[in-house]
Amino acid sequence: MTKPNFDDMNEAELRTYVLEHRDDQEAFYALADRLTAKPPSATYPASMTPEEIHKAVLDIIEQKQRRRSPS
């Protein structure tokens, strides 16, 4: 049996493969490498006011909508 090329899989496909082949350490490490290569998520100070939090959430929603909308 030949192993699939993990580089050709997207993240969801690789995650599914790992869950279906839990003993495949090579696949697990390929997924772990891919996940750790992602940029860290944003952090916000605990001192933010509710208004600042609301604005930050709206900004994130707007950014995601811009990325999804066709150009």
PDB file of N, CA and C in Angstrom:
ATOM      1  N   MET A   1       0.840  -1.173   0.000  1.00  0.00           N
ATOM      2  CA  MET A   1       0.000   0.000   0.000  1.00  0.00           C
ATOM      3  C   MET A   1       0.888   1.240   0.000  1.00  0.00           C
ATOM      4  N   THR A   2       0.623   2.160  -0.903  1.00  0.00           N
ATOM      5  CA  THR A   2       1.412   3.383  -0.957  1.00  0.00           C
ATOM      6  C   THR A   2       0.761   4.457  -0.106  1.00  0.00           C
ATOM      7  N   LYS A   3       1.612   5.248   0.528  1.00  0.00           N
ATOM      8  CA  LYS A   3       1.112   6.344   1.362  1.00  0.00           C
ATOM      9  C   LYS A   3       0.721   7.507   0.477  1.00  0.00           C
ATOM     10  N   PRO A   4      -0.312   8.240   0.861  1.00  0.00           N
ATOM     11  CA  PRO A   4      -0.688   9.423   0.088  1.00  0.00           C
ATOM     12  C   PRO A   4       0.354  10.520   0.271  1.00  0.00           C
ATOM     13  N   ASN A   5       0.365  11.440  -0.658  1.00  0.00           N
ATOM     14  CA  ASN A   5       1.267  12.582  -0.568  1.00  0.00           C
ATOM     15  C   ASN A   5       0.586  13.635   0.311  1.00  0.00           C
ATOM     16  N   PHE A   6       1.080  13.811   1.524  1.00  0.00           N
ATOM     17  CA  PHE A   6       0.449  14.730   2.466  1.00  0.00           C
ATOM     18  C   PHE A   6       0.555  16.178   2.013  1.00  0.00           C
ATOM     19  N   ASP A   7       1.576  16.493   1.235  1.00  0.00           N
ATOM     20  CA  ASP A   7       1.728  17.863   0.734  1.00  0.00           C
ATOM     21  C   ASP A   7       0.629  18.230  -0.256  1.00  0.00           C
ATOM     22  N   ASP A   8       0.052  17.225  -0.912  1.00  0.00           N
ATOM     23  CA  ASP A   8      -1.017  17.478  -1.877  1.00  0.00           C
ATOM     24  C   ASP A   8      -2.388  17.619  -1.218  1.00  0.00           C
ATOM     25  N   MET A   9      -2.475  17.265   0.077  1.00  0.00           N
ATOM     26  CA  MET A   9      -3.756  17.344   0.781  1.00  0.00           C
ATOM     27  C   MET A   9      -3.932  18.731   1.387  1.00  0.00           C
ATOM     28  N   ASN A  10      -5.181  19.202   1.391  1.00  0.00           N
ATOM     29  CA  ASN A  10      -5.437  20.434   2.132  1.00  0.00           C
ATOM     30  C   ASN A  10      -5.557  20.061   3.612  1.00  0.00           C
ATOM     31  N   GLU A  11      -5.679  21.064   4.458  1.00  0.00           N
ATOM     32  CA  GLU A  11      -5.688  20.808   5.901  1.00  0.00           C
ATOM     33  C   GLU A  11      -6.840  19.904   6.329  1.00  0.00           C
ATOM     34  N   ALA A  12      -8.021  20.125   5.779  1.00  0.00           N
ATOM     35  CA  ALA A  12      -9.172  19.308   6.150  1.00  0.00           C
ATOM     36  C   ALA A  12      -8.980  17.848   5.731  1.00  0.00           C
ATOM     37  N   GLU A  13      -8.453  17.633   4.544  1.00  0.00           N
ATOM     38  CA  GLU A  13      -8.201  16.269   4.070  1.00  0.00           C
ATOM     39  C   GLU A  13      -7.163  15.568   4.941  1.00  0.00           C
ATOM     40  N   LEU A  14      -6.106  16.300   5.281  1.00  0.00           N
ATOM     41  CA  LEU A  14      -5.050  15.713   6.106  1.00  0.00           C
ATOM     42  C   LEU A  14      -5.576  15.392   7.497  1.00  0.00           C
ATOM     43  N   ARG A  15      -6.378  16.278   8.054  1.00  0.00           N
ATOM     44  CA  ARG A  15      -6.967  16.044   9.382  1.00  0.00           C
ATOM     45  C   ARG A  15      -7.849  14.791   9.345  1.00  0.00           C
ATOM     46  N   THR A  16      -8.651  14.650   8.299  1.00  0.00           N
ATOM     47  CA  THR A  16      -9.514  13.476   8.159  1.00  0.00           C
ATOM     48  C   THR A  16      -8.682  12.210   8.036  1.00  0.00           C
ATOM     49  N   TYR A  17      -7.611  12.286   7.250  1.00  0.00           N
ATOM     50  CA  TYR A  17      -6.734  11.125   7.091  1.00  0.00           C
ATOM     51  C   TYR A  17      -6.134  10.712   8.435  1.00  0.00           C
ATOM     52  N   VAL A  18      -5.658  11.696   9.197  1.00  0.00           N
ATOM     53  CA  VAL A  18      -5.052  11.393  10.500  1.00  0.00           C
ATOM     54  C   VAL A  18      -6.074  10.741  11.420  1.00  0.00           C
ATOM     55  N   LEU A  19      -7.303  11.244  11.415  1.00  0.00           N
ATOM     56  CA  LEU A  19      -8.330  10.660  12.278  1.00  0.00           C
ATOM     57  C   LEU A  19      -8.687   9.233  11.855  1.00  0.00           C
ATOM     58  N   GLU A  20      -8.600   8.947  10.566  1.00  0.00           N
ATOM     59  CA  GLU A  20      -8.915   7.605  10.077  1.00  0.00           C
ATOM     60  C   GLU A  20      -7.733   6.645  10.194  1.00  0.00           C
ATOM     61  N   HIS A  21      -6.515   7.195  10.307  1.00  0.00           N
ATOM     62  CA  HIS A  21      -5.299   6.376  10.390  1.00  0.00           C
ATOM     63  C   HIS A  21      -4.487   6.830  11.606  1.00  0.00           C
ATOM     64  N   ARG A  22      -5.029   6.607  12.775  1.00  0.00           N
ATOM     65  CA  ARG A  22      -4.452   7.122  14.018  1.00  0.00           C
ATOM     66  C   ARG A  22      -3.064   6.573  14.320  1.00  0.00           C
ATOM     67  N   ASP A  23      -2.681   5.463  13.739  1.00  0.00           N
ATOM     68  CA  ASP A  23      -1.351   4.897  13.986  1.00  0.00           C
ATOM     69  C   ASP A  23      -0.294   5.423  13.016  1.00  0.00           C
ATOM     70  N   ASP A  24      -0.686   6.242  12.067  1.00  0.00           N
ATOM     71  CA  ASP A  24       0.247   6.766  11.062  1.00  0.00           C
ATOM     72  C   ASP A  24       0.943   8.011  11.617  1.00  0.00           C
ATOM     73  N   GLN A  25       2.122   7.793  12.200  1.00  0.00           N
ATOM     74  CA  GLN A  25       2.858   8.897  12.814  1.00  0.00           C
ATOM     75  C   GLN A  25       3.332   9.913  11.790  1.00  0.00           C
ATOM     76  N   GLU A  26       3.676   9.450  10.613  1.00  0.00           N
ATOM     77  CA  GLU A  26       4.130  10.379   9.561  1.00  0.00           C
ATOM     78  C   GLU A  26       3.017  11.376   9.216  1.00  0.00           C
ATOM     79  N   ALA A  27       1.798  10.884   9.111  1.00  0.00           N
ATOM     80  CA  ALA A  27       0.660  11.760   8.816  1.00  0.00           C
ATOM     81  C   ALA A  27       0.414  12.715   9.973  1.00  0.00           C
ATOM     82  N   PHE A  28       0.507  12.208  11.197  1.00  0.00           N
ATOM     83  CA  PHE A  28       0.317  13.059  12.366  1.00  0.00           C
ATOM     84  C   PHE A  28       1.332  14.191  12.377  1.00  0.00           C
ATOM     85  N   TYR A  29       2.598  13.877  12.142  1.00  0.00           N
ATOM     86  CA  TYR A  29       3.638  14.907  12.148  1.00  0.00           C
ATOM     87  C   TYR A  29       3.464  15.888  10.981  1.00  0.00           C
ATOM     88  N   ALA A  30       2.985  15.410   9.854  1.00  0.00           N
ATOM     89  CA  ALA A  30       2.724  16.312   8.726  1.00  0.00           C
ATOM     90  C   ALA A  30       1.634  17.316   9.104  1.00  0.00           C
ATOM     91  N   LEU A  31       0.588  16.839   9.769  1.00  0.00           N
ATOM     92  CA  LEU A  31      -0.484  17.729  10.211  1.00  0.00           C
ATOM     93  C   LEU A  31       0.022  18.686  11.282  1.00  0.00           C
ATOM     94  N   ALA A  32       0.782  18.176  12.245  1.00  0.00           N
ATOM     95  CA  ALA A  32       1.315  19.030  13.311  1.00  0.00           C
ATOM     96  C   ALA A  32       2.218  20.112  12.728  1.00  0.00           C
ATOM     97  N   ASP A  33       3.060  19.756  11.772  1.00  0.00           N
ATOM     98  CA  ASP A  33       3.934  20.747  11.131  1.00  0.00           C
ATOM     99  C   ASP A  33       3.118  21.818  10.431  1.00  0.00           C
ATOM    100  N   ARG A  34       2.075  21.400   9.758  1.00  0.00           N
ATOM    101  CA  ARG A  34       1.245  22.361   9.028  1.00  0.00           C
ATOM    102  C   ARG A  34       0.529  23.308   9.997  1.00  0.00           C
ATOM    103  N   LEU A  35       0.029  22.773  11.099  1.00  0.00           N
ATOM    104  CA  LEU A  35      -0.687  23.611  12.058  1.00  0.00           C
ATOM    105  C   LEU A  35       0.244  24.582  12.775  1.00  0.00           C
ATOM    106  N   THR A  36       1.452  24.142  13.090  1.00  0.00           N
ATOM    107  CA  THR A  36       2.382  25.035  13.782  1.00  0.00           C
ATOM    108  C   THR A  36       2.982  26.071  12.841  1.00  0.00           C
ATOM    109  N   ALA A  37       2.887  25.862  11.549  1.00  0.00           N
ATOM    110  CA  ALA A  37       3.417  26.821  10.581  1.00  0.00           C
ATOM    111  C   ALA A  37       2.472  28.001  10.382  1.00  0.00           C
ATOM    112  N   LYS A  38       1.231  27.876  10.854  1.00  0.00           N
ATOM    113  CA  LYS A  38       0.262  28.964  10.709  1.00  0.00           C
ATOM    114  C   LYS A  38       0.690  30.155  11.578  1.00  0.00           C
ATOM    115  N   PRO A  39       0.402  31.359  11.116  1.00  0.00           N
ATOM    116  CA  PRO A  39       0.713  32.518  11.957  1.00  0.00           C
ATOM    117  C   PRO A  39      -0.157  32.501  13.212  1.00  0.00           C
ATOM    118  N   PRO A  40       0.362  33.030  14.305  1.00  0.00           N
ATOM    119  CA  PRO A  40      -0.430  33.033  15.538  1.00  0.00           C
ATOM    120  C   PRO A  40      -1.653  33.946  15.402  1.00  0.00           C
ATOM    121  N   SER A  41      -2.666  33.635  16.153  1.00  0.00           N
ATOM    122  CA  SER A  41      -3.864  34.474  16.123  1.00  0.00           C
ATOM    123  C   SER A  41      -3.609  35.738  16.937  1.00  0.00           C
ATOM    124  N   ALA A  42      -4.417  36.731  16.689  1.00  0.00           N
ATOM    125  CA  ALA A  42      -4.257  38.019  17.364  1.00  0.00           C
ATOM    126  C   ALA A  42      -4.593  37.893  18.841  1.00  0.00           C
ATOM    127  N   THR A  43      -3.910  38.680  19.650  1.00  0.00           N
ATOM    128  CA  THR A  43      -4.218  38.761  21.068  1.00  0.00           C
ATOM    129  C   THR A  43      -4.595  40.194  21.394  1.00  0.00           C
ATOM    130  N   TYR A  44      -5.409  40.345  22.391  1.00  0.00           N
ATOM    131  CA  TYR A  44      -5.889  41.666  22.775  1.00  0.00           C
ATOM    132  C   TYR A  44      -5.664  41.860  24.268  1.00  0.00           C
ATOM    133  N   PRO A  45      -5.395  43.087  24.692  1.00  0.00           N
ATOM    134  CA  PRO A  45      -5.155  43.328  26.112  1.00  0.00           C
ATOM    135  C   PRO A  45      -6.436  43.172  26.934  1.00  0.00           C
ATOM    136  N   ALA A  46      -6.281  42.743  28.166  1.00  0.00           N
ATOM    137  CA  ALA A  46      -7.426  42.563  29.052  1.00  0.00           C
ATOM    138  C   ALA A  46      -8.055  43.895  29.432  1.00  0.00           C
ATOM    139  N   SER A  47      -7.331  44.970  29.211  1.00  0.00           N
ATOM    140  CA  SER A  47      -7.832  46.285  29.607  1.00  0.00           C
ATOM    141  C   SER A  47      -8.770  46.914  28.575  1.00  0.00           C
ATOM    142  N   MET A  48      -9.105  46.185  27.523  1.00  0.00           N
ATOM    143  CA  MET A  48      -9.990  46.745  26.495  1.00  0.00           C
ATOM    144  C   MET A  48     -11.375  47.014  27.074  1.00  0.00           C
ATOM    145  N   THR A  49     -11.952  48.128  26.664  1.00  0.00           N
ATOM    146  CA  THR A  49     -13.312  48.466  27.078  1.00  0.00           C
ATOM    147  C   THR A  49     -14.296  47.658  26.235  1.00  0.00           C
ATOM    148  N   PRO A  50     -15.543  47.530  26.677  1.00  0.00           N
ATOM    149  CA  PRO A  50     -16.538  46.831  25.860  1.00  0.00           C
ATOM    150  C   PRO A  50     -16.683  47.443  24.464  1.00  0.00           C
ATOM    151  N   GLU A  51     -16.564  48.752  24.363  1.00  0.00           N
ATOM    152  CA  GLU A  51     -16.664  49.409  23.058  1.00  0.00           C
ATOM    153  C   GLU A  51     -15.496  49.008  22.158  1.00  0.00           C
ATOM    154  N   GLU A  52     -14.299  48.920  22.723  1.00  0.00           N
ATOM    155  CA  GLU A  52     -13.124  48.509  21.943  1.00  0.00           C
ATOM    156  C   GLU A  52     -13.247  47.053  21.509  1.00  0.00           C
ATOM    157  N   ILE A  53     -13.769  46.219  22.381  1.00  0.00           N
ATOM    158  CA  ILE A  53     -13.977  44.807  22.037  1.00  0.00           C
ATOM    159  C   ILE A  53     -14.995  44.694  20.900  1.00  0.00           C
ATOM    160  N   HIS A  54     -16.074  45.436  21.002  1.00  0.00           N
ATOM    161  CA  HIS A  54     -17.112  45.417  19.967  1.00  0.00           C
ATOM    162  C   HIS A  54     -16.527  45.848  18.619  1.00  0.00           C
ATOM    163  N   LYS A  55     -15.735  46.908  18.609  1.00  0.00           N
ATOM    164  CA  LYS A  55     -15.110  47.387  17.378  1.00  0.00           C
ATOM    165  C   LYS A  55     -14.142  46.347  16.821  1.00  0.00           C
ATOM    166  N   ALA A  56     -13.360  45.711  17.688  1.00  0.00           N
ATOM    167  CA  ALA A  56     -12.415  44.690  17.243  1.00  0.00           C
ATOM    168  C   ALA A  56     -13.142  43.513  16.590  1.00  0.00           C
ATOM    169  N   VAL A  57     -14.248  43.091  17.186  1.00  0.00           N
ATOM    170  CA  VAL A  57     -15.033  41.982  16.623  1.00  0.00           C
ATOM    171  C   VAL A  57     -15.608  42.371  15.269  1.00  0.00           C
ATOM    172  N   LEU A  58     -16.144  43.578  15.171  1.00  0.00           N
ATOM    173  CA  LEU A  58     -16.694  44.039  13.888  1.00  0.00           C
ATOM    174  C   LEU A  58     -15.606  44.120  12.822  1.00  0.00           C
ATOM    175  N   ASP A  59     -14.411  44.563  13.196  1.00  0.00           N
ATOM    176  CA  ASP A  59     -13.294  44.625  12.249  1.00  0.00           C
ATOM    177  C   ASP A  59     -12.930  43.238  11.733  1.00  0.00           C
ATOM    178  N   ILE A  60     -12.905  42.255  12.625  1.00  0.00           N
ATOM    179  CA  ILE A  60     -12.580  40.880  12.224  1.00  0.00           C
ATOM    180  C   ILE A  60     -13.643  40.342  11.262  1.00  0.00           C
ATOM    181  N   ILE A  61     -14.898  40.580  11.575  1.00  0.00           N
ATOM    182  CA  ILE A  61     -15.991  40.128  10.705  1.00  0.00           C
ATOM    183  C   ILE A  61     -15.871  40.779   9.332  1.00  0.00           C
ATOM    184  N   GLU A  62     -15.587  42.060   9.310  1.00  0.00           N
ATOM    185  CA  GLU A  62     -15.444  42.779   8.039  1.00  0.00           C
ATOM    186  C   GLU A  62     -14.280  42.226   7.218  1.00  0.00           C
ATOM    187  N   GLN A  63     -13.158  41.952   7.862  1.00  0.00           N
ATOM    188  CA  GLN A  63     -12.002  41.392   7.151  1.00  0.00           C
ATOM    189  C   GLN A  63     -12.347  40.037   6.550  1.00  0.00           C
ATOM    190  N   LYS A  64     -13.027  39.194   7.307  1.00  0.00           N
ATOM    191  CA  LYS A  64     -13.389  37.868   6.798  1.00  0.00           C
ATOM    192  C   LYS A  64     -14.368  37.970   5.639  1.00  0.00           C
ATOM    193  N   GLN A  65     -15.294  38.911   5.713  1.00  0.00           N
ATOM    194  CA  GLN A  65     -16.247  39.083   4.619  1.00  0.00           C
ATOM    195  C   GLN A  65     -15.539  39.580   3.358  1.00  0.00           C
ATOM    196  N   ARG A  66     -14.552  40.478   3.516  1.00  0.00           N
ATOM    197  CA  ARG A  66     -13.809  40.960   2.354  1.00  0.00           C
ATOM    198  C   ARG A  66     -13.025  39.840   1.697  1.00  0.00           C
ATOM    199  N   ARG A  67     -12.471  38.927   2.496  1.00  0.00           N
ATOM    200  CA  ARG A  67     -11.704  37.806   1.938  1.00  0.00           C
ATOM    201  C   ARG A  67     -12.590  36.830   1.193  1.00  0.00           C
ATOM    202  N   ARG A  68     -13.823  36.695   1.631  1.00  0.00           N
ATOM    203  CA  ARG A  68     -14.745  35.730   1.013  1.00  0.00           C
ATOM    204  C   ARG A  68     -15.473  36.275  -0.193  1.00  0.00           C
ATOM    205  N   SER A  69     -15.630  37.601  -0.257  1.00  0.00           N
ATOM    206  CA  SER A  69     -16.412  38.159  -1.365  1.00  0.00           C
ATOM    207  C   SER A  69     -15.611  38.082  -2.659  1.00  0.00           C
ATOM    208  N   PRO A  70     -16.282  37.680  -3.767  1.00  0.00           N
ATOM    209  CA  PRO A  70     -15.578  37.588  -5.053  1.00  0.00           C
ATOM    210  C   PRO A  70     -15.192  38.978  -5.555  1.00  0.00           C
ATOM    211  N   SER A  71     -14.025  39.035  -6.168  1.00  0.00           N
ATOM    212  CA  SER A  71     -13.527  40.314  -6.690  1.00  0.00           C
ATOM    213  C   SER A  71     -13.958  40.550  -8.104  1.00  0.00           C
TER     214      SER A  71
END
